[in-house]
Amino acid sequence: MESPKPQYVYILKCADGTLYTGWTTDLEARVATHNAGKGAKYTKPRRPVELVYYEEYGDKGEALARECAIKKLTRAQKEVLIAGAQKK
């Protein structure tokens, strides 16, 4: 039996300084898609984007729930999350 693909929740920093949160099964490809202007409508005019944070999950439902939770955070709370990950 094949093991399930990892599911990722990620935060991108856009060229205008804003943050974008999303979900994917392939981080590198998804960031490349955003930077090619074929990702989300939000990131298309805000390129280039930079991956600043991600979390890995084994279950799609968990990843989507976490994406939703992160989207509800304030910018300050997201910055704390990002800073904590960069210290590791």
PDB file of N, CA and C in Angstrom:
ATOM      1  N   MET A   1       0.840  -1.187   0.000  1.00  0.00           N
ATOM      2  CA  MET A   1       0.000   0.000   0.000  1.00  0.00           C
ATOM      3  C   MET A   1       0.881   1.245   0.000  1.00  0.00           C
ATOM      4  N   GLU A   2       0.544   2.184  -0.841  1.00  0.00           N
ATOM      5  CA  GLU A   2       1.315   3.413  -0.965  1.00  0.00           C
ATOM      6  C   GLU A   2       0.990   4.360   0.182  1.00  0.00           C
ATOM      7  N   SER A   3       2.016   4.975   0.758  1.00  0.00           N
ATOM      8  CA  SER A   3       1.768   5.926   1.841  1.00  0.00           C
ATOM      9  C   SER A   3       1.178   7.208   1.258  1.00  0.00           C
ATOM     10  N   PRO A   4       0.292   7.857   2.005  1.00  0.00           N
ATOM     11  CA  PRO A   4      -0.352   9.066   1.493  1.00  0.00           C
ATOM     12  C   PRO A   4       0.653  10.206   1.321  1.00  0.00           C
ATOM     13  N   LYS A   5       0.362  11.061   0.359  1.00  0.00           N
ATOM     14  CA  LYS A   5       1.212  12.232   0.127  1.00  0.00           C
ATOM     15  C   LYS A   5       1.127  13.163   1.329  1.00  0.00           C
ATOM     16  N   PRO A   6       2.239  13.779   1.682  1.00  0.00           N
ATOM     17  CA  PRO A   6       2.165  14.772   2.751  1.00  0.00           C
ATOM     18  C   PRO A   6       1.338  15.976   2.289  1.00  0.00           C
ATOM     19  N   GLN A   7       0.660  16.565   3.213  1.00  0.00           N
ATOM     20  CA  GLN A   7      -0.172  17.737   2.963  1.00  0.00           C
ATOM     21  C   GLN A   7       0.506  18.924   3.656  1.00  0.00           C
ATOM     22  N   TYR A   8       0.617  20.040   2.971  1.00  0.00           N
ATOM     23  CA  TYR A   8       1.309  21.199   3.525  1.00  0.00           C
ATOM     24  C   TYR A   8       0.391  22.406   3.624  1.00  0.00           C
ATOM     25  N   VAL A   9       0.512  23.115   4.724  1.00  0.00           N
ATOM     26  CA  VAL A   9      -0.098  24.425   4.895  1.00  0.00           C
ATOM     27  C   VAL A   9       1.077  25.390   4.866  1.00  0.00           C
ATOM     28  N   TYR A  10       0.946  26.462   4.117  1.00  0.00           N
ATOM     29  CA  TYR A  10       2.088  27.357   3.948  1.00  0.00           C
ATOM     30  C   TYR A  10       1.682  28.821   4.026  1.00  0.00           C
ATOM     31  N   ILE A  11       2.668  29.661   4.315  1.00  0.00           N
ATOM     32  CA  ILE A  11       2.485  31.110   4.291  1.00  0.00           C
ATOM     33  C   ILE A  11       3.534  31.675   3.352  1.00  0.00           C
ATOM     34  N   LEU A  12       3.075  32.522   2.444  1.00  0.00           N
ATOM     35  CA  LEU A  12       3.959  33.219   1.516  1.00  0.00           C
ATOM     36  C   LEU A  12       4.017  34.687   1.895  1.00  0.00           C
ATOM     37  N   LYS A  13       5.180  35.283   1.721  1.00  0.00           N
ATOM     38  CA  LYS A  13       5.305  36.728   1.847  1.00  0.00           C
ATOM     39  C   LYS A  13       5.333  37.277   0.430  1.00  0.00           C
ATOM     40  N   CYS A  14       4.411  38.161   0.135  1.00  0.00           N
ATOM     41  CA  CYS A  14       4.303  38.732  -1.202  1.00  0.00           C
ATOM     42  C   CYS A  14       5.226  39.942  -1.337  1.00  0.00           C
ATOM     43  N   ALA A  15       5.475  40.354  -2.570  1.00  0.00           N
ATOM     44  CA  ALA A  15       6.370  41.473  -2.848  1.00  0.00           C
ATOM     45  C   ALA A  15       5.904  42.760  -2.172  1.00  0.00           C
ATOM     46  N   ASP A  16       4.593  42.914  -1.963  1.00  0.00           N
ATOM     47  CA  ASP A  16       4.080  44.121  -1.307  1.00  0.00           C
ATOM     48  C   ASP A  16       4.072  44.002   0.216  1.00  0.00           C
ATOM     49  N   GLY A  17       4.629  42.893   0.742  1.00  0.00           N
ATOM     50  CA  GLY A  17       4.729  42.705   2.189  1.00  0.00           C
ATOM     51  C   GLY A  17       3.548  41.994   2.823  1.00  0.00           C
ATOM     52  N   THR A  18       2.508  41.727   2.053  1.00  0.00           N
ATOM     53  CA  THR A  18       1.355  41.026   2.606  1.00  0.00           C
ATOM     54  C   THR A  18       1.657  39.535   2.724  1.00  0.00           C
ATOM     55  N   LEU A  19       0.835  38.844   3.500  1.00  0.00           N
ATOM     56  CA  LEU A  19       0.995  37.409   3.713  1.00  0.00           C
ATOM     57  C   LEU A  19      -0.169  36.659   3.086  1.00  0.00           C
ATOM     58  N   TYR A  20       0.120  35.513   2.493  1.00  0.00           N
ATOM     59  CA  TYR A  20      -0.898  34.667   1.883  1.00  0.00           C
ATOM     60  C   TYR A  20      -0.754  33.264   2.445  1.00  0.00           C
ATOM     61  N   THR A  21      -1.860  32.657   2.843  1.00  0.00           N
ATOM     62  CA  THR A  21      -1.859  31.301   3.394  1.00  0.00           C
ATOM     63  C   THR A  21      -2.574  30.364   2.434  1.00  0.00           C
ATOM     64  N   GLY A  22      -1.984  29.185   2.222  1.00  0.00           N
ATOM     65  CA  GLY A  22      -2.590  28.212   1.329  1.00  0.00           C
ATOM     66  C   GLY A  22      -2.279  26.788   1.749  1.00  0.00           C
ATOM     67  N   TRP A  23      -2.722  25.852   0.910  1.00  0.00           N
ATOM     68  CA  TRP A  23      -2.566  24.415   1.158  1.00  0.00           C
ATOM     69  C   TRP A  23      -2.123  23.741  -0.141  1.00  0.00           C
ATOM     70  N   THR A  24      -1.275  22.726  -0.045  1.00  0.00           N
ATOM     71  CA  THR A  24      -0.809  22.001  -1.220  1.00  0.00           C
ATOM     72  C   THR A  24      -0.245  20.639  -0.828  1.00  0.00           C
ATOM     73  N   THR A  25       0.034  19.811  -1.836  1.00  0.00           N
ATOM     74  CA  THR A  25       0.737  18.550  -1.609  1.00  0.00           C
ATOM     75  C   THR A  25       2.170  18.628  -2.132  1.00  0.00           C
ATOM     76  N   ASP A  26       2.524  19.728  -2.803  1.00  0.00           N
ATOM     77  CA  ASP A  26       3.870  19.897  -3.358  1.00  0.00           C
ATOM     78  C   ASP A  26       4.292  21.363  -3.201  1.00  0.00           C
ATOM     79  N   LEU A  27       5.061  21.643  -2.156  1.00  0.00           N
ATOM     80  CA  LEU A  27       5.446  23.022  -1.841  1.00  0.00           C
ATOM     81  C   LEU A  27       6.219  23.701  -2.966  1.00  0.00           C
ATOM     82  N   GLU A  28       7.262  23.048  -3.450  1.00  0.00           N
ATOM     83  CA  GLU A  28       8.102  23.673  -4.487  1.00  0.00           C
ATOM     84  C   GLU A  28       7.293  24.017  -5.728  1.00  0.00           C
ATOM     85  N   ALA A  29       6.483  23.084  -6.175  1.00  0.00           N
ATOM     86  CA  ALA A  29       5.677  23.312  -7.376  1.00  0.00           C
ATOM     87  C   ALA A  29       4.656  24.411  -7.141  1.00  0.00           C
ATOM     88  N   ARG A  30       4.070  24.445  -5.953  1.00  0.00           N
ATOM     89  CA  ARG A  30       3.037  25.453  -5.677  1.00  0.00           C
ATOM     90  C   ARG A  30       3.627  26.852  -5.622  1.00  0.00           C
ATOM     91  N   VAL A  31       4.788  27.009  -4.993  1.00  0.00           N
ATOM     92  CA  VAL A  31       5.432  28.324  -4.943  1.00  0.00           C
ATOM     93  C   VAL A  31       5.807  28.753  -6.359  1.00  0.00           C
ATOM     94  N   ALA A  32       6.311  27.821  -7.159  1.00  0.00           N
ATOM     95  CA  ALA A  32       6.652  28.130  -8.551  1.00  0.00           C
ATOM     96  C   ALA A  32       5.406  28.562  -9.331  1.00  0.00           C
ATOM     97  N   THR A  33       4.289  27.901  -9.078  1.00  0.00           N
ATOM     98  CA  THR A  33       3.030  28.253  -9.743  1.00  0.00           C
ATOM     99  C   THR A  33       2.607  29.664  -9.357  1.00  0.00           C
ATOM    100  N   HIS A  34       2.698  29.992  -8.068  1.00  0.00           N
ATOM    101  CA  HIS A  34       2.373  31.359  -7.623  1.00  0.00           C
ATOM    102  C   HIS A  34       3.277  32.367  -8.329  1.00  0.00           C
ATOM    103  N   ASN A  35       4.574  32.079  -8.374  1.00  0.00           N
ATOM    104  CA  ASN A  35       5.518  33.022  -8.977  1.00  0.00           C
ATOM    105  C   ASN A  35       5.382  33.112 -10.494  1.00  0.00           C
ATOM    106  N   ALA A  36       4.767  32.119 -11.108  1.00  0.00           N
ATOM    107  CA  ALA A  36       4.509  32.155 -12.552  1.00  0.00           C
ATOM    108  C   ALA A  36       3.221  32.917 -12.868  1.00  0.00           C
ATOM    109  N   GLY A  37       2.518  33.358 -11.820  1.00  0.00           N
ATOM    110  CA  GLY A  37       1.273  34.097 -12.035  1.00  0.00           C
ATOM    111  C   GLY A  37       0.079  33.210 -12.271  1.00  0.00           C
ATOM    112  N   LYS A  38       0.231  31.912 -11.976  1.00  0.00           N
ATOM    113  CA  LYS A  38      -0.861  30.973 -12.218  1.00  0.00           C
ATOM    114  C   LYS A  38      -1.413  30.394 -10.920  1.00  0.00           C
ATOM    115  N   GLY A  39      -1.032  30.985  -9.796  1.00  0.00           N
ATOM    116  CA  GLY A  39      -1.524  30.526  -8.500  1.00  0.00           C
ATOM    117  C   GLY A  39      -2.834  31.223  -8.201  1.00  0.00           C
ATOM    118  N   ALA A  40      -2.970  31.676  -7.002  1.00  0.00           N
ATOM    119  CA  ALA A  40      -4.188  32.356  -6.562  1.00  0.00           C
ATOM    120  C   ALA A  40      -4.290  33.751  -7.176  1.00  0.00           C
ATOM    121  N   LYS A  41      -5.523  34.227  -7.329  1.00  0.00           N
ATOM    122  CA  LYS A  41      -5.747  35.587  -7.825  1.00  0.00           C
ATOM    123  C   LYS A  41      -5.031  36.603  -6.941  1.00  0.00           C
ATOM    124  N   TYR A  42      -5.013  36.332  -5.644  1.00  0.00           N
ATOM    125  CA  TYR A  42      -4.410  37.274  -4.694  1.00  0.00           C
ATOM    126  C   TYR A  42      -2.926  37.466  -4.960  1.00  0.00           C
ATOM    127  N   THR A  43      -2.209  36.397  -5.253  1.00  0.00           N
ATOM    128  CA  THR A  43      -0.756  36.502  -5.391  1.00  0.00           C
ATOM    129  C   THR A  43      -0.307  36.957  -6.785  1.00  0.00           C
ATOM    130  N   LYS A  44      -1.153  36.809  -7.782  1.00  0.00           N
ATOM    131  CA  LYS A  44      -0.751  37.135  -9.154  1.00  0.00           C
ATOM    132  C   LYS A  44      -0.177  38.550  -9.285  1.00  0.00           C
ATOM    133  N   PRO A  45      -0.855  39.589  -8.781  1.00  0.00           N
ATOM    134  CA  PRO A  45      -0.288  40.939  -8.911  1.00  0.00           C
ATOM    135  C   PRO A  45       0.743  41.286  -7.832  1.00  0.00           C
ATOM    136  N   ARG A  46       1.012  40.356  -6.929  1.00  0.00           N
ATOM    137  CA  ARG A  46       1.906  40.629  -5.804  1.00  0.00           C
ATOM    138  C   ARG A  46       3.202  39.827  -5.878  1.00  0.00           C
ATOM    139  N   ARG A  47       3.593  39.430  -7.070  1.00  0.00           N
ATOM    140  CA  ARG A  47       4.799  38.640  -7.259  1.00  0.00           C
ATOM    141  C   ARG A  47       6.035  39.513  -7.214  1.00  0.00           C
ATOM    142  N   PRO A  48       7.183  38.926  -6.877  1.00  0.00           N
ATOM    143  CA  PRO A  48       7.390  37.526  -6.515  1.00  0.00           C
ATOM    144  C   PRO A  48       6.962  37.251  -5.075  1.00  0.00           C
ATOM    145  N   VAL A  49       6.689  35.984  -4.809  1.00  0.00           N
ATOM    146  CA  VAL A  49       6.342  35.557  -3.457  1.00  0.00           C
ATOM    147  C   VAL A  49       7.476  34.702  -2.911  1.00  0.00           C
ATOM    148  N   GLU A  50       7.566  34.669  -1.595  1.00  0.00           N
ATOM    149  CA  GLU A  50       8.614  33.892  -0.925  1.00  0.00           C
ATOM    150  C   GLU A  50       7.966  33.009   0.134  1.00  0.00           C
ATOM    151  N   LEU A  51       8.321  31.737   0.153  1.00  0.00           N
ATOM    152  CA  LEU A  51       7.834  30.817   1.173  1.00  0.00           C
ATOM    153  C   LEU A  51       8.509  31.168   2.501  1.00  0.00           C
ATOM    154  N   VAL A  52       7.706  31.538   3.512  1.00  0.00           N
ATOM    155  CA  VAL A  52       8.287  31.922   4.802  1.00  0.00           C
ATOM    156  C   VAL A  52       7.902  30.976   5.935  1.00  0.00           C
ATOM    157  N   TYR A  53       6.931  30.082   5.680  1.00  0.00           N
ATOM    158  CA  TYR A  53       6.480  29.186   6.745  1.00  0.00           C
ATOM    159  C   TYR A  53       5.701  28.035   6.134  1.00  0.00           C
ATOM    160  N   TYR A  54       5.865  26.850   6.727  1.00  0.00           N
ATOM    161  CA  TYR A  54       5.009  25.729   6.336  1.00  0.00           C
ATOM    162  C   TYR A  54       4.913  24.722   7.478  1.00  0.00           C
ATOM    163  N   GLU A  55       3.846  23.950   7.438  1.00  0.00           N
ATOM    164  CA  GLU A  55       3.622  22.839   8.360  1.00  0.00           C
ATOM    165  C   GLU A  55       3.244  21.638   7.509  1.00  0.00           C
ATOM    166  N   GLU A  56       3.657  20.451   7.936  1.00  0.00           N
ATOM    167  CA  GLU A  56       3.355  19.225   7.189  1.00  0.00           C
ATOM    168  C   GLU A  56       2.358  18.377   7.957  1.00  0.00           C
ATOM    169  N   TYR A  57       1.396  17.817   7.245  1.00  0.00           N
ATOM    170  CA  TYR A  57       0.379  16.946   7.823  1.00  0.00           C
ATOM    171  C   TYR A  57       0.264  15.682   6.991  1.00  0.00           C
ATOM    172  N   GLY A  58      -0.202  14.623   7.605  1.00  0.00           N
ATOM    173  CA  GLY A  58      -0.416  13.367   6.900  1.00  0.00           C
ATOM    174  C   GLY A  58      -1.834  13.221   6.397  1.00  0.00           C
ATOM    175  N   ASP A  59      -2.712  14.103   6.845  1.00  0.00           N
ATOM    176  CA  ASP A  59      -4.133  14.010   6.534  1.00  0.00           C
ATOM    177  C   ASP A  59      -4.627  15.326   5.934  1.00  0.00           C
ATOM    178  N   LYS A  60      -5.321  15.250   4.822  1.00  0.00           N
ATOM    179  CA  LYS A  60      -5.821  16.438   4.134  1.00  0.00           C
ATOM    180  C   LYS A  60      -6.779  17.241   5.014  1.00  0.00           C
ATOM    181  N   GLY A  61      -7.637  16.554   5.727  1.00  0.00           N
ATOM    182  CA  GLY A  61      -8.601  17.242   6.584  1.00  0.00           C
ATOM    183  C   GLY A  61      -7.926  18.082   7.651  1.00  0.00           C
ATOM    184  N   GLU A  62      -6.872  17.534   8.261  1.00  0.00           N
ATOM    185  CA  GLU A  62      -6.118  18.278   9.275  1.00  0.00           C
ATOM    186  C   GLU A  62      -5.459  19.508   8.657  1.00  0.00           C
ATOM    187  N   ALA A  63      -4.884  19.327   7.485  1.00  0.00           N
ATOM    188  CA  ALA A  63      -4.203  20.438   6.802  1.00  0.00           C
ATOM    189  C   ALA A  63      -5.192  21.553   6.462  1.00  0.00           C
ATOM    190  N   LEU A  64      -6.348  21.187   5.948  1.00  0.00           N
ATOM    191  CA  LEU A  64      -7.341  22.197   5.587  1.00  0.00           C
ATOM    192  C   LEU A  64      -7.881  22.919   6.818  1.00  0.00           C
ATOM    193  N   ALA A  65      -8.053  22.179   7.908  1.00  0.00           N
ATOM    194  CA  ALA A  65      -8.511  22.807   9.152  1.00  0.00           C
ATOM    195  C   ALA A  65      -7.460  23.793   9.672  1.00  0.00           C
ATOM    196  N   ARG A  66      -6.190  23.404   9.578  1.00  0.00           N
ATOM    197  CA  ARG A  66      -5.107  24.284  10.027  1.00  0.00           C
ATOM    198  C   ARG A  66      -4.998  25.520   9.137  1.00  0.00           C
ATOM    199  N   GLU A  67      -5.168  25.330   7.821  1.00  0.00           N
ATOM    200  CA  GLU A  67      -5.158  26.474   6.901  1.00  0.00           C
ATOM    201  C   GLU A  67      -6.227  27.478   7.314  1.00  0.00           C
ATOM    202  N   CYS A  68      -7.410  26.982   7.585  1.00  0.00           N
ATOM    203  CA  CYS A  68      -8.521  27.839   7.997  1.00  0.00           C
ATOM    204  C   CYS A  68      -8.181  28.575   9.294  1.00  0.00           C
ATOM    205  N   ALA A  69      -7.587  27.860  10.250  1.00  0.00           N
ATOM    206  CA  ALA A  69      -7.222  28.467  11.530  1.00  0.00           C
ATOM    207  C   ALA A  69      -6.166  29.556  11.348  1.00  0.00           C
ATOM    208  N   ILE A  70      -5.178  29.303  10.504  1.00  0.00           N
ATOM    209  CA  ILE A  70      -4.134  30.303  10.269  1.00  0.00           C
ATOM    210  C   ILE A  70      -4.718  31.535   9.593  1.00  0.00           C
ATOM    211  N   LYS A  71      -5.621  31.341   8.656  1.00  0.00           N
ATOM    212  CA  LYS A  71      -6.239  32.472   7.969  1.00  0.00           C
ATOM    213  C   LYS A  71      -7.003  33.377   8.924  1.00  0.00           C
ATOM    214  N   LYS A  72      -7.460  32.828  10.041  1.00  0.00           N
ATOM    215  CA  LYS A  72      -8.198  33.620  11.032  1.00  0.00           C
ATOM    216  C   LYS A  72      -7.276  34.394  11.980  1.00  0.00           C
ATOM    217  N   LEU A  73      -5.982  34.076  11.964  1.00  0.00           N
ATOM    218  CA  LEU A  73      -5.036  34.781  12.829  1.00  0.00           C
ATOM    219  C   LEU A  73      -4.825  36.205  12.341  1.00  0.00           C
ATOM    220  N   THR A  74      -4.445  37.073  13.263  1.00  0.00           N
ATOM    221  CA  THR A  74      -4.071  38.423  12.872  1.00  0.00           C
ATOM    222  C   THR A  74      -2.694  38.378  12.212  1.00  0.00           C
ATOM    223  N   ARG A  75      -2.331  39.452  11.570  1.00  0.00           N
ATOM    224  CA  ARG A  75      -0.996  39.510  10.955  1.00  0.00           C
ATOM    225  C   ARG A  75       0.072  39.342  12.028  1.00  0.00           C
ATOM    226  N   ALA A  76      -0.101  39.997  13.166  1.00  0.00           N
ATOM    227  CA  ALA A  76       0.880  39.904  14.256  1.00  0.00           C
ATOM    228  C   ALA A  76       1.033  38.455  14.718  1.00  0.00           C
ATOM    229  N   GLN A  77      -0.069  37.735  14.830  1.00  0.00           N
ATOM    230  CA  GLN A  77      -0.007  36.330  15.247  1.00  0.00           C
ATOM    231  C   GLN A  77       0.702  35.480  14.194  1.00  0.00           C
ATOM    232  N   LYS A  78       0.461  35.765  12.920  1.00  0.00           N
ATOM    233  CA  LYS A  78       1.145  35.034  11.848  1.00  0.00           C
ATOM    234  C   LYS A  78       2.645  35.323  11.889  1.00  0.00           C
ATOM    235  N   GLU A  79       3.022  36.556  12.174  1.00  0.00           N
ATOM    236  CA  GLU A  79       4.440  36.908  12.246  1.00  0.00           C
ATOM    237  C   GLU A  79       5.136  36.185  13.393  1.00  0.00           C
ATOM    238  N   VAL A  80       4.443  36.002  14.510  1.00  0.00           N
ATOM    239  CA  VAL A  80       4.992  35.241  15.640  1.00  0.00           C
ATOM    240  C   VAL A  80       5.199  33.788  15.220  1.00  0.00           C
ATOM    241  N   LEU A  81       4.237  33.222  14.529  1.00  0.00           N
ATOM    242  CA  LEU A  81       4.332  31.849  14.027  1.00  0.00           C
ATOM    243  C   LEU A  81       5.548  31.705  13.106  1.00  0.00           C
ATOM    244  N   ILE A  82       5.705  32.633  12.192  1.00  0.00           N
ATOM    245  CA  ILE A  82       6.818  32.611  11.234  1.00  0.00           C
ATOM    246  C   ILE A  82       8.153  32.760  11.965  1.00  0.00           C
ATOM    247  N   ALA A  83       8.220  33.709  12.880  1.00  0.00           N
ATOM    248  CA  ALA A  83       9.469  33.946  13.638  1.00  0.00           C
ATOM    249  C   ALA A  83       9.851  32.728  14.454  1.00  0.00           C
ATOM    250  N   GLY A  84       8.880  32.064  15.061  1.00  0.00           N
ATOM    251  CA  GLY A  84       9.152  30.856  15.860  1.00  0.00           C
ATOM    252  C   GLY A  84       9.730  29.744  15.009  1.00  0.00           C
ATOM    253  N   ALA A  85       9.250  29.591  13.807  1.00  0.00           N
ATOM    254  CA  ALA A  85       9.744  28.547  12.906  1.00  0.00           C
ATOM    255  C   ALA A  85      11.156  28.867  12.419  1.00  0.00           C
ATOM    256  N   GLN A  86      11.474  30.125  12.255  1.00  0.00           N
ATOM    257  CA  GLN A  86      12.792  30.515  11.748  1.00  0.00           C
ATOM    258  C   GLN A  86      13.883  30.358  12.802  1.00  0.00           C
ATOM    259  N   LYS A  87      13.499  30.269  14.071  1.00  0.00           N
ATOM    260  CA  LYS A  87      14.482  30.100  15.155  1.00  0.00           C
ATOM    261  C   LYS A  87      14.951  28.659  15.272  1.00  0.00           C
ATOM    262  N   LYS A  88      14.184  27.720  14.710  1.00  0.00           N
ATOM    263  CA  LYS A  88      14.504  26.278  14.838  1.00  0.00           C
ATOM    264  C   LYS A  88      15.701  25.905  14.026  1.00  0.00           C
TER     265      LYS A  88
END
